């Protein structure tokens, strides 16, 4: 039985870019397309900034990077 209805074509929605906030470490603006983490009470940070800070803390505590 042939269908008389047209095939639906979906239009991909435009990507919406939103400002999330400012980085806790570098103070630069974070947008939703960046790789970032959110903290419970202290805002947001770029993932790389948080990782660098965590590496500095682990070195100062004498922890080894060999795991």
C-alpha atoms as a PDB file:
ATOM      1  CA  UNK A   1       0.000   0.000   0.000  1.00  0.00           C
ATOM      2  CA  UNK A   2       1.697   3.254  -1.081  1.00  0.00           C
ATOM      3  CA  UNK A   3       1.890   6.093   1.413  1.00  0.00           C
ATOM      4  CA  UNK A   4       0.641   9.491   0.281  1.00  0.00           C
ATOM      5  CA  UNK A   5       2.340  11.414   3.089  1.00  0.00           C
ATOM      6  CA  UNK A   6       5.602  13.182   2.453  1.00  0.00           C
ATOM      7  CA  UNK A   7       8.761  11.992   4.103  1.00  0.00           C
ATOM      8  CA  UNK A   8       9.529  14.183   7.094  1.00  0.00           C
ATOM      9  CA  UNK A   9      12.793  16.056   7.012  1.00  0.00           C
ATOM     10  CA  UNK A  10      14.232  17.313  10.245  1.00  0.00           C
ATOM     11  CA  UNK A  11      16.204  20.504  10.408  1.00  0.00           C
ATOM     12  CA  UNK A  12      19.080  20.385  12.859  1.00  0.00           C
ATOM     13  CA  UNK A  13      18.654  23.217  15.372  1.00  0.00           C
ATOM     14  CA  UNK A  14      21.252  25.953  15.486  1.00  0.00           C
ATOM     15  CA  UNK A  15      23.915  25.602  18.162  1.00  0.00           C
ATOM     16  CA  UNK A  16      23.226  28.020  20.985  1.00  0.00           C
ATOM     17  CA  UNK A  17      26.303  29.417  22.709  1.00  0.00           C
ATOM     18  CA  UNK A  18      25.834  30.605  26.279  1.00  0.00           C
ATOM     19  CA  UNK A  19      28.231  32.172  28.771  1.00  0.00           C
ATOM     20  CA  UNK A  20      28.603  29.845  31.764  1.00  0.00           C
ATOM     21  CA  UNK A  21      30.719  32.104  33.968  1.00  0.00           C
ATOM     22  CA  UNK A  22      34.353  32.874  34.701  1.00  0.00           C
ATOM     23  CA  UNK A  23      37.098  30.357  35.405  1.00  0.00           C
ATOM     24  CA  UNK A  24      38.016  29.987  39.069  1.00  0.00           C
ATOM     25  CA  UNK A  25      41.730  29.753  38.165  1.00  0.00           C
ATOM     26  CA  UNK A  26      42.457  31.858  35.062  1.00  0.00           C
ATOM     27  CA  UNK A  27      39.469  34.258  35.383  1.00  0.00           C
ATOM     28  CA  UNK A  28      38.661  33.951  31.655  1.00  0.00           C
ATOM     29  CA  UNK A  29      35.091  33.615  30.420  1.00  0.00           C
ATOM     30  CA  UNK A  30      33.744  30.075  29.973  1.00  0.00           C
ATOM     31  CA  UNK A  31      31.149  29.273  27.315  1.00  0.00           C
ATOM     32  CA  UNK A  32      29.093  26.093  27.070  1.00  0.00           C
ATOM     33  CA  UNK A  33      31.167  24.719  24.168  1.00  0.00           C
ATOM     34  CA  UNK A  34      34.373  24.753  26.298  1.00  0.00           C
ATOM     35  CA  UNK A  35      35.506  21.782  28.338  1.00  0.00           C
ATOM     36  CA  UNK A  36      34.749  22.806  31.917  1.00  0.00           C
ATOM     37  CA  UNK A  37      33.821  21.531  35.368  1.00  0.00           C
ATOM     38  CA  UNK A  38      31.329  22.950  37.844  1.00  0.00           C
ATOM     39  CA  UNK A  39      31.910  23.057  41.571  1.00  0.00           C
ATOM     40  CA  UNK A  40      29.131  22.788  44.127  1.00  0.00           C
ATOM     41  CA  UNK A  41      29.536  26.163  45.811  1.00  0.00           C
ATOM     42  CA  UNK A  42      32.461  27.844  44.108  1.00  0.00           C
ATOM     43  CA  UNK A  43      31.542  28.231  40.435  1.00  0.00           C
ATOM     44  CA  UNK A  44      33.201  26.843  37.321  1.00  0.00           C
ATOM     45  CA  UNK A  45      36.668  26.192  35.885  1.00  0.00           C
ATOM     46  CA  UNK A  46      38.212  25.091  32.627  1.00  0.00           C
ATOM     47  CA  UNK A  47      39.063  21.399  32.859  1.00  0.00           C
ATOM     48  CA  UNK A  48      42.714  22.031  31.942  1.00  0.00           C
ATOM     49  CA  UNK A  49      43.063  24.796  34.579  1.00  0.00           C
ATOM     50  CA  UNK A  50      41.686  22.465  37.267  1.00  0.00           C
ATOM     51  CA  UNK A  51      43.992  19.649  36.133  1.00  0.00           C
ATOM     52  CA  UNK A  52      47.080  21.902  36.237  1.00  0.00           C
ATOM     53  CA  UNK A  53      46.177  23.083  39.740  1.00  0.00           C
ATOM     54  CA  UNK A  54      45.597  19.508  40.927  1.00  0.00           C
ATOM     55  CA  UNK A  55      48.982  18.457  39.512  1.00  0.00           C
ATOM     56  CA  UNK A  56      50.686  21.332  41.370  1.00  0.00           C
ATOM     57  CA  UNK A  57      48.964  20.287  44.614  1.00  0.00           C
ATOM     58  CA  UNK A  58      49.973  16.650  44.220  1.00  0.00           C
ATOM     59  CA  UNK A  59      53.606  17.618  43.546  1.00  0.00           C
ATOM     60  CA  UNK A  60      53.712  19.849  46.615  1.00  0.00           C
ATOM     61  CA  UNK A  61      52.302  17.012  48.735  1.00  0.00           C
ATOM     62  CA  UNK A  62      55.005  14.664  47.504  1.00  0.00           C
ATOM     63  CA  UNK A  63      52.647  12.326  45.685  1.00  0.00           C
ATOM     64  CA  UNK A  64      54.081  10.345  42.819  1.00  0.00           C
ATOM     65  CA  UNK A  65      52.622  10.478  39.307  1.00  0.00           C
ATOM     66  CA  UNK A  66      53.342   6.757  38.920  1.00  0.00           C
ATOM     67  CA  UNK A  67      50.099   5.025  39.767  1.00  0.00           C
END
